[in-house]
């Protein structure tokens, strides 16, 4: 069984997600990781970008969805999943991890993360 994987890791963004009013105004730093399983069989033969998942498109989807304010990172991640599948129907599995760096949780925490994984 073949397993073909694309990872787009540590996409660094600044966004205004969160439940606190201050988060909406000030914003925070985030990183996003996207893990995709697909089938490279055709692209390994043709050497053509049209025959695989274009990670430039995935990066743009992440930037677009992270720019839309949400209170919960779960909602943002789900939008990334849906938009990615719509743009790249050849995706078989996608895992999106969003990490909020230095979250305002009254403690010394590097980041908090949520992960959504869906397979078709």
PDB file of N, CA and C in Angstrom:
ATOM      1  N   UNK A   1       0.846  -1.195   0.000  1.00  0.00           N
ATOM      2  CA  UNK A   1       0.000   0.000   0.000  1.00  0.00           C
ATOM      3  C   UNK A   1       0.880   1.243   0.000  1.00  0.00           C
ATOM      4  N   UNK A   2       0.595   2.131  -0.911  1.00  0.00           N
ATOM      5  CA  UNK A   2       1.330   3.387  -0.996  1.00  0.00           C
ATOM      6  C   UNK A   2       0.670   4.431  -0.108  1.00  0.00           C
ATOM      7  N   UNK A   3       1.498   5.262   0.485  1.00  0.00           N
ATOM      8  CA  UNK A   3       1.007   6.389   1.266  1.00  0.00           C
ATOM      9  C   UNK A   3       1.774   7.618   0.799  1.00  0.00           C
ATOM     10  N   UNK A   4       1.082   8.560   0.224  1.00  0.00           N
ATOM     11  CA  UNK A   4       1.704   9.775  -0.297  1.00  0.00           C
ATOM     12  C   UNK A   4       1.265  10.948   0.570  1.00  0.00           C
ATOM     13  N   UNK A   5       2.241  11.693   1.054  1.00  0.00           N
ATOM     14  CA  UNK A   5       1.968  12.731   2.061  1.00  0.00           C
ATOM     15  C   UNK A   5       2.582  14.063   1.640  1.00  0.00           C
ATOM     16  N   UNK A   6       1.838  15.114   1.860  1.00  0.00           N
ATOM     17  CA  UNK A   6       2.328  16.489   1.733  1.00  0.00           C
ATOM     18  C   UNK A   6       2.136  17.145   3.089  1.00  0.00           C
ATOM     19  N   UNK A   7       3.174  17.833   3.550  1.00  0.00           N
ATOM     20  CA  UNK A   7       3.063  18.603   4.782  1.00  0.00           C
ATOM     21  C   UNK A   7       3.449  20.050   4.494  1.00  0.00           C
ATOM     22  N   UNK A   8       2.646  20.966   4.968  1.00  0.00           N
ATOM     23  CA  UNK A   8       2.966  22.385   4.940  1.00  0.00           C
ATOM     24  C   UNK A   8       3.008  22.789   6.408  1.00  0.00           C
ATOM     25  N   UNK A   9       4.211  23.034   6.917  1.00  0.00           N
ATOM     26  CA  UNK A   9       4.403  23.194   8.359  1.00  0.00           C
ATOM     27  C   UNK A   9       4.821  24.605   8.760  1.00  0.00           C
ATOM     28  N   UNK A  10       4.382  24.946   9.950  1.00  0.00           N
ATOM     29  CA  UNK A  10       4.780  26.196  10.597  1.00  0.00           C
ATOM     30  C   UNK A  10       4.481  27.426   9.742  1.00  0.00           C
ATOM     31  N   UNK A  11       3.279  27.457   9.179  1.00  0.00           N
ATOM     32  CA  UNK A  11       2.818  28.671   8.500  1.00  0.00           C
ATOM     33  C   UNK A  11       2.609  29.701   9.607  1.00  0.00           C
ATOM     34  N   UNK A  12       3.359  30.776   9.579  1.00  0.00           N
ATOM     35  CA  UNK A  12       3.317  31.782  10.645  1.00  0.00           C
ATOM     36  C   UNK A  12       2.391  32.927  10.245  1.00  0.00           C
ATOM     37  N   UNK A  13       1.464  33.226  11.156  1.00  0.00           N
ATOM     38  CA  UNK A  13       0.455  34.249  10.879  1.00  0.00           C
ATOM     39  C   UNK A  13       0.168  35.064  12.134  1.00  0.00           C
ATOM     40  N   UNK A  14      -0.394  36.209  11.921  1.00  0.00           N
ATOM     41  CA  UNK A  14      -0.913  37.041  13.009  1.00  0.00           C
ATOM     42  C   UNK A  14      -2.400  37.190  12.760  1.00  0.00           C
ATOM     43  N   UNK A  15      -3.211  36.896  13.779  1.00  0.00           N
ATOM     44  CA  UNK A  15      -4.662  36.952  13.595  1.00  0.00           C
ATOM     45  C   UNK A  15      -5.339  37.364  14.891  1.00  0.00           C
ATOM     46  N   UNK A  16      -6.638  37.608  14.817  1.00  0.00           N
ATOM     47  CA  UNK A  16      -7.401  38.145  15.944  1.00  0.00           C
ATOM     48  C   UNK A  16      -8.459  37.178  16.445  1.00  0.00           C
ATOM     49  N   UNK A  17      -8.090  35.932  16.635  1.00  0.00           N
ATOM     50  CA  UNK A  17      -9.022  34.930  17.130  1.00  0.00           C
ATOM     51  C   UNK A  17      -9.010  34.901  18.654  1.00  0.00           C
ATOM     52  N   UNK A  18     -10.131  34.501  19.234  1.00  0.00           N
ATOM     53  CA  UNK A  18     -10.200  34.328  20.675  1.00  0.00           C
ATOM     54  C   UNK A  18     -11.509  34.844  21.235  1.00  0.00           C
ATOM     55  N   UNK A  19     -11.809  34.381  22.440  1.00  0.00           N
ATOM     56  CA  UNK A  19     -13.058  34.746  23.104  1.00  0.00           C
ATOM     57  C   UNK A  19     -12.977  36.078  23.848  1.00  0.00           C
ATOM     58  N   UNK A  20     -11.778  36.505  24.179  1.00  0.00           N
ATOM     59  CA  UNK A  20     -11.624  37.752  24.940  1.00  0.00           C
ATOM     60  C   UNK A  20     -11.681  38.964  24.011  1.00  0.00           C
ATOM     61  N   UNK A  21     -12.301  40.051  24.461  1.00  0.00           N
ATOM     62  CA  UNK A  21     -12.362  41.267  23.623  1.00  0.00           C
ATOM     63  C   UNK A  21     -10.967  41.778  23.254  1.00  0.00           C
ATOM     64  N   UNK A  22     -10.008  41.618  24.171  1.00  0.00           N
ATOM     65  CA  UNK A  22      -8.637  42.072  23.906  1.00  0.00           C
ATOM     66  C   UNK A  22      -8.016  41.314  22.729  1.00  0.00           C
ATOM     67  N   UNK A  23      -8.374  40.031  22.613  1.00  0.00           N
ATOM     68  CA  UNK A  23      -7.827  39.231  21.521  1.00  0.00           C
ATOM     69  C   UNK A  23      -8.328  39.727  20.172  1.00  0.00           C
ATOM     70  N   UNK A  24      -9.549  40.212  20.146  1.00  0.00           N
ATOM     71  CA  UNK A  24     -10.119  40.751  18.911  1.00  0.00           C
ATOM     72  C   UNK A  24      -9.400  42.029  18.500  1.00  0.00           C
ATOM     73  N   UNK A  25      -8.986  42.822  19.491  1.00  0.00           N
ATOM     74  CA  UNK A  25      -8.333  44.094  19.194  1.00  0.00           C
ATOM     75  C   UNK A  25      -6.832  43.939  18.973  1.00  0.00           C
ATOM     76  N   UNK A  26      -6.180  43.191  19.842  1.00  0.00           N
ATOM     77  CA  UNK A  26      -4.715  43.108  19.823  1.00  0.00           C
ATOM     78  C   UNK A  26      -4.213  42.009  18.896  1.00  0.00           C
ATOM     79  N   UNK A  27      -4.857  40.862  18.929  1.00  0.00           N
ATOM     80  CA  UNK A  27      -4.433  39.733  18.107  1.00  0.00           C
ATOM     81  C   UNK A  27      -3.308  38.939  18.745  1.00  0.00           C
ATOM     82  N   UNK A  28      -2.925  37.872  18.075  1.00  0.00           N
ATOM     83  CA  UNK A  28      -1.886  36.965  18.568  1.00  0.00           C
ATOM     84  C   UNK A  28      -1.141  36.352  17.394  1.00  0.00           C
ATOM     85  N   UNK A  29      -0.012  35.737  17.732  1.00  0.00           N
ATOM     86  CA  UNK A  29       0.753  34.982  16.744  1.00  0.00           C
ATOM     87  C   UNK A  29       0.271  33.537  16.748  1.00  0.00           C
ATOM     88  N   UNK A  30       0.243  32.948  15.547  1.00  0.00           N
ATOM     89  CA  UNK A  30      -0.204  31.576  15.353  1.00  0.00           C
ATOM     90  C   UNK A  30       0.747  30.857  14.413  1.00  0.00           C
ATOM     91  N   UNK A  31       0.740  29.530  14.535  1.00  0.00           N
ATOM     92  CA  UNK A  31       1.333  28.688  13.502  1.00  0.00           C
ATOM     93  C   UNK A  31       0.278  27.668  13.084  1.00  0.00           C
ATOM     94  N   UNK A  32       0.341  27.285  11.823  1.00  0.00           N
ATOM     95  CA  UNK A  32      -0.592  26.297  11.293  1.00  0.00           C
ATOM     96  C   UNK A  32       0.221  25.238  10.558  1.00  0.00           C
ATOM     97  N   UNK A  33      -0.102  23.969  10.843  1.00  0.00           N
ATOM     98  CA  UNK A  33       0.489  22.832  10.147  1.00  0.00           C
ATOM     99  C   UNK A  33      -0.635  22.103   9.412  1.00  0.00           C
ATOM    100  N   UNK A  34      -0.376  21.738   8.162  1.00  0.00           N
ATOM    101  CA  UNK A  34      -1.353  20.992   7.371  1.00  0.00           C
ATOM    102  C   UNK A  34      -0.681  19.720   6.860  1.00  0.00           C
ATOM    103  N   UNK A  35      -1.298  18.600   7.162  1.00  0.00           N
ATOM    104  CA  UNK A  35      -0.834  17.277   6.756  1.00  0.00           C
ATOM    105  C   UNK A  35      -1.877  16.700   5.818  1.00  0.00           C
ATOM    106  N   UNK A  36      -1.437  16.269   4.637  1.00  0.00           N
ATOM    107  CA  UNK A  36      -2.361  15.776   3.615  1.00  0.00           C
ATOM    108  C   UNK A  36      -1.893  14.424   3.101  1.00  0.00           C
ATOM    109  N   UNK A  37      -2.821  13.476   3.011  1.00  0.00           N
ATOM    110  CA  UNK A  37      -2.575  12.227   2.292  1.00  0.00           C
ATOM    111  C   UNK A  37      -3.317  12.317   0.968  1.00  0.00           C
ATOM    112  N   UNK A  38      -2.619  11.909  -0.090  1.00  0.00           N
ATOM    113  CA  UNK A  38      -3.182  11.953  -1.434  1.00  0.00           C
ATOM    114  C   UNK A  38      -2.552  10.826  -2.248  1.00  0.00           C
ATOM    115  N   UNK A  39      -2.702  10.863  -3.534  1.00  0.00           N
ATOM    116  CA  UNK A  39      -2.099   9.860  -4.407  1.00  0.00           C
ATOM    117  C   UNK A  39      -1.179  10.566  -5.391  1.00  0.00           C
ATOM    118  N   UNK A  40       0.131  10.331  -5.256  1.00  0.00           N
ATOM    119  CA  UNK A  40       1.132  10.945  -6.135  1.00  0.00           C
ATOM    120  C   UNK A  40       1.354  10.152  -7.422  1.00  0.00           C
ATOM    121  N   UNK A  41       0.688   9.036  -7.583  1.00  0.00           N
ATOM    122  CA  UNK A  41       1.008   8.127  -8.686  1.00  0.00           C
ATOM    123  C   UNK A  41       1.057   8.825 -10.041  1.00  0.00           C
ATOM    124  N   UNK A  42       0.060   9.603 -10.349  1.00  0.00           N
ATOM    125  CA  UNK A  42       0.028  10.263 -11.657  1.00  0.00           C
ATOM    126  C   UNK A  42       1.125  11.323 -11.777  1.00  0.00           C
ATOM    127  N   UNK A  43       1.291  12.139 -10.727  1.00  0.00           N
ATOM    128  CA  UNK A  43       2.284  13.215 -10.807  1.00  0.00           C
ATOM    129  C   UNK A  43       3.718  12.692 -10.860  1.00  0.00           C
ATOM    130  N   UNK A  44       3.964  11.512 -10.287  1.00  0.00           N
ATOM    131  CA  UNK A  44       5.315  10.949 -10.384  1.00  0.00           C
ATOM    132  C   UNK A  44       5.639  10.518 -11.811  1.00  0.00           C
ATOM    133  N   UNK A  45       4.603  10.256 -12.588  1.00  0.00           N
ATOM    134  CA  UNK A  45       4.804   9.896 -13.995  1.00  0.00           C
ATOM    135  C   UNK A  45       4.851  11.127 -14.902  1.00  0.00           C
ATOM    136  N   UNK A  46       3.935  12.075 -14.664  1.00  0.00           N
ATOM    137  CA  UNK A  46       3.817  13.229 -15.563  1.00  0.00           C
ATOM    138  C   UNK A  46       4.745  14.379 -15.203  1.00  0.00           C
ATOM    139  N   UNK A  47       5.157  14.441 -13.925  1.00  0.00           N
ATOM    140  CA  UNK A  47       5.976  15.565 -13.441  1.00  0.00           C
ATOM    141  C   UNK A  47       5.250  16.899 -13.653  1.00  0.00           C
ATOM    142  N   UNK A  48       3.923  16.855 -13.470  1.00  0.00           N
ATOM    143  CA  UNK A  48       3.088  18.027 -13.718  1.00  0.00           C
ATOM    144  C   UNK A  48       2.338  18.404 -12.444  1.00  0.00           C
ATOM    145  N   UNK A  49       2.406  19.665 -12.087  1.00  0.00           N
ATOM    146  CA  UNK A  49       1.764  20.166 -10.869  1.00  0.00           C
ATOM    147  C   UNK A  49       0.257  19.938 -10.864  1.00  0.00           C
ATOM    148  N   UNK A  50      -0.353  19.936 -12.026  1.00  0.00           N
ATOM    149  CA  UNK A  50      -1.803  19.749 -12.119  1.00  0.00           C
ATOM    150  C   UNK A  50      -2.228  18.376 -11.590  1.00  0.00           C
ATOM    151  N   UNK A  51      -1.288  17.436 -11.505  1.00  0.00           N
ATOM    152  CA  UNK A  51      -1.605  16.075 -11.099  1.00  0.00           C
ATOM    153  C   UNK A  51      -1.322  15.789  -9.620  1.00  0.00           C
ATOM    154  N   UNK A  52      -1.157  16.825  -8.837  1.00  0.00           N
ATOM    155  CA  UNK A  52      -0.929  16.648  -7.398  1.00  0.00           C
ATOM    156  C   UNK A  52      -1.587  17.790  -6.636  1.00  0.00           C
ATOM    157  N   UNK A  53      -1.482  17.761  -5.327  1.00  0.00           N
ATOM    158  CA  UNK A  53      -2.002  18.842  -4.488  1.00  0.00           C
ATOM    159  C   UNK A  53      -0.959  19.955  -4.474  1.00  0.00           C
ATOM    160  N   UNK A  54      -1.355  21.132  -4.876  1.00  0.00           N
ATOM    161  CA  UNK A  54      -0.459  22.295  -4.933  1.00  0.00           C
ATOM    162  C   UNK A  54      -0.409  22.934  -3.551  1.00  0.00           C
ATOM    163  N   UNK A  55       0.751  22.848  -2.892  1.00  0.00           N
ATOM    164  CA  UNK A  55       0.842  23.391  -1.541  1.00  0.00           C
ATOM    165  C   UNK A  55       0.797  24.912  -1.503  1.00  0.00           C
ATOM    166  N   UNK A  56       0.985  25.561  -2.641  1.00  0.00           N
ATOM    167  CA  UNK A  56       0.787  27.017  -2.700  1.00  0.00           C
ATOM    168  C   UNK A  56      -0.697  27.334  -2.455  1.00  0.00           C
ATOM    169  N   UNK A  57      -1.577  26.520  -3.015  1.00  0.00           N
ATOM    170  CA  UNK A  57      -3.014  26.696  -2.801  1.00  0.00           C
ATOM    171  C   UNK A  57      -3.364  26.457  -1.332  1.00  0.00           C
ATOM    172  N   UNK A  58      -2.792  25.419  -0.738  1.00  0.00           N
ATOM    173  CA  UNK A  58      -3.054  25.119   0.677  1.00  0.00           C
ATOM    174  C   UNK A  58      -2.601  26.281   1.555  1.00  0.00           C
ATOM    175  N   UNK A  59      -1.424  26.809   1.300  1.00  0.00           N
ATOM    176  CA  UNK A  59      -0.929  27.949   2.069  1.00  0.00           C
ATOM    177  C   UNK A  59      -1.867  29.153   1.947  1.00  0.00           C
ATOM    178  N   UNK A  60      -2.360  29.412   0.747  1.00  0.00           N
ATOM    179  CA  UNK A  60      -3.272  30.546   0.538  1.00  0.00           C
ATOM    180  C   UNK A  60      -4.595  30.331   1.260  1.00  0.00           C
ATOM    181  N   UNK A  61      -5.101  29.105   1.249  1.00  0.00           N
ATOM    182  CA  UNK A  61      -6.339  28.800   1.972  1.00  0.00           C
ATOM    183  C   UNK A  61      -6.148  29.077   3.462  1.00  0.00           C
ATOM    184  N   UNK A  62      -5.031  28.637   4.010  1.00  0.00           N
ATOM    185  CA  UNK A  62      -4.757  28.882   5.433  1.00  0.00           C
ATOM    186  C   UNK A  62      -4.723  30.381   5.709  1.00  0.00           C
ATOM    187  N   UNK A  63      -4.022  31.144   4.889  1.00  0.00           N
ATOM    188  CA  UNK A  63      -3.954  32.595   5.087  1.00  0.00           C
ATOM    189  C   UNK A  63      -5.338  33.235   5.004  1.00  0.00           C
ATOM    190  N   UNK A  64      -6.131  32.821   4.020  1.00  0.00           N
ATOM    191  CA  UNK A  64      -7.472  33.397   3.848  1.00  0.00           C
ATOM    192  C   UNK A  64      -8.367  33.096   5.047  1.00  0.00           C
ATOM    193  N   UNK A  65      -8.386  31.853   5.490  1.00  0.00           N
ATOM    194  CA  UNK A  65      -9.271  31.463   6.586  1.00  0.00           C
ATOM    195  C   UNK A  65      -8.811  32.019   7.929  1.00  0.00           C
ATOM    196  N   UNK A  66      -7.514  32.116   8.123  1.00  0.00           N
ATOM    197  CA  UNK A  66      -7.004  32.700   9.374  1.00  0.00           C
ATOM    198  C   UNK A  66      -7.296  34.201   9.453  1.00  0.00           C
ATOM    199  N   UNK A  67      -7.513  34.832   8.320  1.00  0.00           N
ATOM    200  CA  UNK A  67      -7.816  36.269   8.305  1.00  0.00           C
ATOM    201  C   UNK A  67      -9.258  36.564   8.716  1.00  0.00           C
ATOM    202  N   UNK A  68     -10.115  35.550   8.738  1.00  0.00           N
ATOM    203  CA  UNK A  68     -11.518  35.718   9.137  1.00  0.00           C
ATOM    204  C   UNK A  68     -11.618  35.459  10.639  1.00  0.00           C
ATOM    205  N   UNK A  69     -11.984  36.469  11.385  1.00  0.00           N
ATOM    206  CA  UNK A  69     -12.015  36.349  12.844  1.00  0.00           C
ATOM    207  C   UNK A  69     -13.039  35.313  13.319  1.00  0.00           C
ATOM    208  N   UNK A  70     -12.594  34.503  14.269  1.00  0.00           N
ATOM    209  CA  UNK A  70     -13.467  33.549  14.950  1.00  0.00           C
ATOM    210  C   UNK A  70     -13.113  33.552  16.430  1.00  0.00           C
ATOM    211  N   UNK A  71     -14.073  33.218  17.250  1.00  0.00           N
ATOM    212  CA  UNK A  71     -13.774  33.085  18.678  1.00  0.00           C
ATOM    213  C   UNK A  71     -13.018  31.795  18.947  1.00  0.00           C
ATOM    214  N   UNK A  72     -13.325  30.740  18.177  1.00  0.00           N
ATOM    215  CA  UNK A  72     -12.733  29.431  18.427  1.00  0.00           C
ATOM    216  C   UNK A  72     -11.843  28.990  17.260  1.00  0.00           C
ATOM    217  N   UNK A  73     -10.671  28.470  17.597  1.00  0.00           N
ATOM    218  CA  UNK A  73      -9.769  27.944  16.587  1.00  0.00           C
ATOM    219  C   UNK A  73     -10.362  26.721  15.891  1.00  0.00           C
ATOM    220  N   UNK A  74     -11.237  26.031  16.584  1.00  0.00           N
ATOM    221  CA  UNK A  74     -11.900  24.871  15.995  1.00  0.00           C
ATOM    222  C   UNK A  74     -12.662  25.249  14.728  1.00  0.00           C
ATOM    223  N   UNK A  75     -13.321  26.401  14.772  1.00  0.00           N
ATOM    224  CA  UNK A  75     -14.075  26.859  13.605  1.00  0.00           C
ATOM    225  C   UNK A  75     -13.127  27.210  12.461  1.00  0.00           C
ATOM    226  N   UNK A  76     -12.023  27.847  12.778  1.00  0.00           N
ATOM    227  CA  UNK A  76     -11.058  28.212  11.744  1.00  0.00           C
ATOM    228  C   UNK A  76     -10.490  26.954  11.083  1.00  0.00           C
ATOM    229  N   UNK A  77     -10.109  25.969  11.897  1.00  0.00           N
ATOM    230  CA  UNK A  77      -9.543  24.731  11.361  1.00  0.00           C
ATOM    231  C   UNK A  77     -10.549  24.018  10.465  1.00  0.00           C
ATOM    232  N   UNK A  78     -11.802  23.988  10.862  1.00  0.00           N
ATOM    233  CA  UNK A  78     -12.821  23.323  10.045  1.00  0.00           C
ATOM    234  C   UNK A  78     -12.996  24.037   8.710  1.00  0.00           C
ATOM    235  N   UNK A  79     -12.931  25.354   8.712  1.00  0.00           N
ATOM    236  CA  UNK A  79     -13.014  26.096   7.447  1.00  0.00           C
ATOM    237  C   UNK A  79     -11.840  25.752   6.540  1.00  0.00           C
ATOM    238  N   UNK A  80     -10.646  25.593   7.115  1.00  0.00           N
ATOM    239  CA  UNK A  80      -9.464  25.222   6.331  1.00  0.00           C
ATOM    240  C   UNK A  80      -9.662  23.837   5.725  1.00  0.00           C
ATOM    241  N   UNK A  81     -10.190  22.900   6.505  1.00  0.00           N
ATOM    242  CA  UNK A  81     -10.450  21.548   6.016  1.00  0.00           C
ATOM    243  C   UNK A  81     -11.416  21.592   4.831  1.00  0.00           C
ATOM    244  N   UNK A  82     -12.527  22.268   4.996  1.00  0.00           N
ATOM    245  CA  UNK A  82     -13.561  22.322   3.958  1.00  0.00           C
ATOM    246  C   UNK A  82     -13.039  23.007   2.692  1.00  0.00           C
ATOM    247  N   UNK A  83     -12.368  24.138   2.852  1.00  0.00           N
ATOM    248  CA  UNK A  83     -11.856  24.862   1.684  1.00  0.00           C
ATOM    249  C   UNK A  83     -10.772  24.068   0.962  1.00  0.00           C
ATOM    250  N   UNK A  84      -9.946  23.350   1.707  1.00  0.00           N
ATOM    251  CA  UNK A  84      -8.889  22.542   1.096  1.00  0.00           C
ATOM    252  C   UNK A  84      -9.475  21.397   0.283  1.00  0.00           C
ATOM    253  N   UNK A  85     -10.451  20.733   0.848  1.00  0.00           N
ATOM    254  CA  UNK A  85     -11.090  19.617   0.143  1.00  0.00           C
ATOM    255  C   UNK A  85     -11.808  20.114  -1.122  1.00  0.00           C
ATOM    256  N   UNK A  86     -12.423  21.276  -1.022  1.00  0.00           N
ATOM    257  CA  UNK A  86     -13.116  21.838  -2.182  1.00  0.00           C
ATOM    258  C   UNK A  86     -12.118  22.207  -3.289  1.00  0.00           C
ATOM    259  N   UNK A  87     -11.004  22.805  -2.910  1.00  0.00           N
ATOM    260  CA  UNK A  87     -10.006  23.237  -3.892  1.00  0.00           C
ATOM    261  C   UNK A  87      -9.201  22.064  -4.450  1.00  0.00           C
ATOM    262  N   UNK A  88      -9.036  21.022  -3.636  1.00  0.00           N
ATOM    263  CA  UNK A  88      -8.195  19.882  -4.026  1.00  0.00           C
ATOM    264  C   UNK A  88      -8.929  18.581  -3.726  1.00  0.00           C
ATOM    265  N   UNK A  89      -9.866  18.191  -4.572  1.00  0.00           N
ATOM    266  CA  UNK A  89     -10.677  17.008  -4.291  1.00  0.00           C
ATOM    267  C   UNK A  89      -9.873  15.702  -4.226  1.00  0.00           C
ATOM    268  N   UNK A  90      -8.634  15.722  -4.685  1.00  0.00           N
ATOM    269  CA  UNK A  90      -7.801  14.524  -4.621  1.00  0.00           C
ATOM    270  C   UNK A  90      -7.252  14.249  -3.213  1.00  0.00           C
ATOM    271  N   UNK A  91      -7.492  15.149  -2.272  1.00  0.00           N
ATOM    272  CA  UNK A  91      -7.090  14.925  -0.881  1.00  0.00           C
ATOM    273  C   UNK A  91      -7.900  13.753  -0.326  1.00  0.00           C
ATOM    274  N   UNK A  92      -7.199  12.811   0.274  1.00  0.00           N
ATOM    275  CA  UNK A  92      -7.850  11.651   0.884  1.00  0.00           C
ATOM    276  C   UNK A  92      -7.986  11.812   2.395  1.00  0.00           C
ATOM    277  N   UNK A  93      -7.020  12.487   3.009  1.00  0.00           N
ATOM    278  CA  UNK A  93      -7.030  12.757   4.442  1.00  0.00           C
ATOM    279  C   UNK A  93      -6.350  14.090   4.658  1.00  0.00           C
ATOM    280  N   UNK A  94      -6.877  14.869   5.597  1.00  0.00           N
ATOM    281  CA  UNK A  94      -6.241  16.141   5.948  1.00  0.00           C
ATOM    282  C   UNK A  94      -6.258  16.298   7.457  1.00  0.00           C
ATOM    283  N   UNK A  95      -5.143  16.776   7.970  1.00  0.00           N
ATOM    284  CA  UNK A  95      -5.042  17.100   9.404  1.00  0.00           C
ATOM    285  C   UNK A  95      -4.556  18.548   9.492  1.00  0.00           C
ATOM    286  N   UNK A  96      -5.320  19.371  10.202  1.00  0.00           N
ATOM    287  CA  UNK A  96      -4.969  20.774  10.391  1.00  0.00           C
ATOM    288  C   UNK A  96      -4.714  21.007  11.874  1.00  0.00           C
ATOM    289  N   UNK A  97      -3.546  21.550  12.166  1.00  0.00           N
ATOM    290  CA  UNK A  97      -3.178  21.892  13.538  1.00  0.00           C
ATOM    291  C   UNK A  97      -2.948  23.398  13.601  1.00  0.00           C
ATOM    292  N   UNK A  98      -3.695  24.064  14.475  1.00  0.00           N
ATOM    293  CA  UNK A  98      -3.511  25.500  14.699  1.00  0.00           C
ATOM    294  C   UNK A  98      -2.995  25.687  16.111  1.00  0.00           C
ATOM    295  N   UNK A  99      -1.883  26.402  16.234  1.00  0.00           N
ATOM    296  CA  UNK A  99      -1.293  26.677  17.537  1.00  0.00           C
ATOM    297  C   UNK A  99      -1.301  28.176  17.797  1.00  0.00           C
ATOM    298  N   UNK A 100      -1.796  28.541  18.963  1.00  0.00           N
ATOM    299  CA  UNK A 100      -1.785  29.933  19.405  1.00  0.00           C
ATOM    300  C   UNK A 100      -0.567  30.092  20.305  1.00  0.00           C
ATOM    301  N   UNK A 101       0.357  30.961  19.901  1.00  0.00           N
ATOM    302  CA  UNK A 101       1.596  31.151  20.645  1.00  0.00           C
ATOM    303  C   UNK A 101       1.371  32.097  21.821  1.00  0.00           C
ATOM    304  N   UNK A 102       1.969  31.773  22.947  1.00  0.00           N
ATOM    305  CA  UNK A 102       1.854  32.584  24.170  1.00  0.00           C
ATOM    306  C   UNK A 102       0.401  32.962  24.462  1.00  0.00           C
ATOM    307  N   UNK A 103      -0.472  31.989  24.658  1.00  0.00           N
ATOM    308  CA  UNK A 103      -1.899  32.281  24.867  1.00  0.00           C
ATOM    309  C   UNK A 103      -2.138  32.997  26.199  1.00  0.00           C
ATOM    310  N   UNK A 104      -3.166  33.829  26.260  1.00  0.00           N
ATOM    311  CA  UNK A 104      -3.468  34.564  27.490  1.00  0.00           C
ATOM    312  C   UNK A 104      -4.233  33.688  28.494  1.00  0.00           C
ATOM    313  N   UNK A 105      -3.531  32.712  29.084  1.00  0.00           N
ATOM    314  CA  UNK A 105      -4.211  31.797  30.011  1.00  0.00           C
ATOM    315  C   UNK A 105      -3.622  31.874  31.419  1.00  0.00           C
ATOM    316  N   UNK A 106      -2.955  32.985  31.724  1.00  0.00           N
ATOM    317  CA  UNK A 106      -2.441  33.215  33.072  1.00  0.00           C
ATOM    318  C   UNK A 106      -1.467  32.114  33.497  1.00  0.00           C
ATOM    319  N   UNK A 107      -0.527  31.811  32.616  1.00  0.00           N
ATOM    320  CA  UNK A 107       0.484  30.814  32.911  1.00  0.00           C
ATOM    321  C   UNK A 107       1.604  30.886  31.896  1.00  0.00           C
ATOM    322  N   UNK A 108       2.699  30.225  32.205  1.00  0.00           N
ATOM    323  CA  UNK A 108       3.857  30.192  31.325  1.00  0.00           C
ATOM    324  C   UNK A 108       3.699  29.025  30.352  1.00  0.00           C
ATOM    325  N   UNK A 109       3.020  29.284  29.226  1.00  0.00           N
ATOM    326  CA  UNK A 109       2.695  28.254  28.250  1.00  0.00           C
ATOM    327  C   UNK A 109       3.221  28.696  26.889  1.00  0.00           C
ATOM    328  N   UNK A 110       3.940  27.808  26.231  1.00  0.00           N
ATOM    329  CA  UNK A 110       4.478  28.129  24.907  1.00  0.00           C
ATOM    330  C   UNK A 110       3.368  28.320  23.885  1.00  0.00           C
ATOM    331  N   UNK A 111       2.421  27.364  23.845  1.00  0.00           N
ATOM    332  CA  UNK A 111       1.312  27.467  22.903  1.00  0.00           C
ATOM    333  C   UNK A 111       0.202  26.518  23.319  1.00  0.00           C
ATOM    334  N   UNK A 112      -0.955  26.743  22.751  1.00  0.00           N
ATOM    335  CA  UNK A 112      -2.066  25.799  22.839  1.00  0.00           C
ATOM    336  C   UNK A 112      -2.450  25.470  21.400  1.00  0.00           C
ATOM    337  N   UNK A 113      -2.868  24.228  21.177  1.00  0.00           N
ATOM    338  CA  UNK A 113      -3.148  23.791  19.815  1.00  0.00           C
ATOM    339  C   UNK A 113      -4.453  23.022  19.753  1.00  0.00           C
ATOM    340  N   UNK A 114      -5.070  23.100  18.594  1.00  0.00           N
ATOM    341  CA  UNK A 114      -6.215  22.236  18.287  1.00  0.00           C
ATOM    342  C   UNK A 114      -5.873  21.517  16.988  1.00  0.00           C
ATOM    343  N   UNK A 115      -6.421  20.313  16.847  1.00  0.00           N
ATOM    344  CA  UNK A 115      -6.178  19.526  15.645  1.00  0.00           C
ATOM    345  C   UNK A 115      -7.504  18.952  15.156  1.00  0.00           C
ATOM    346  N   UNK A 116      -7.743  19.085  13.862  1.00  0.00           N
ATOM    347  CA  UNK A 116      -8.886  18.435  13.223  1.00  0.00           C
ATOM    348  C   UNK A 116      -8.321  17.545  12.129  1.00  0.00           C
ATOM    349  N   UNK A 117      -8.786  16.310  12.085  1.00  0.00           N
ATOM    350  CA  UNK A 117      -8.386  15.372  11.040  1.00  0.00           C
ATOM    351  C   UNK A 117      -9.631  14.765  10.426  1.00  0.00           C
ATOM    352  N   UNK A 118      -9.683  14.750   9.101  1.00  0.00           N
ATOM    353  CA  UNK A 118     -10.816  14.157   8.395  1.00  0.00           C
ATOM    354  C   UNK A 118     -10.298  13.359   7.212  1.00  0.00           C
ATOM    355  N   UNK A 119     -10.937  12.246   6.967  1.00  0.00           N
ATOM    356  CA  UNK A 119     -10.596  11.398   5.827  1.00  0.00           C
ATOM    357  C   UNK A 119     -11.847  11.177   4.976  1.00  0.00           C
ATOM    358  N   UNK A 120     -11.623  10.981   3.676  1.00  0.00           N
ATOM    359  CA  UNK A 120     -12.723  10.743   2.747  1.00  0.00           C
ATOM    360  C   UNK A 120     -12.488   9.446   2.021  1.00  0.00           C
TER     361      UNK A 120
END
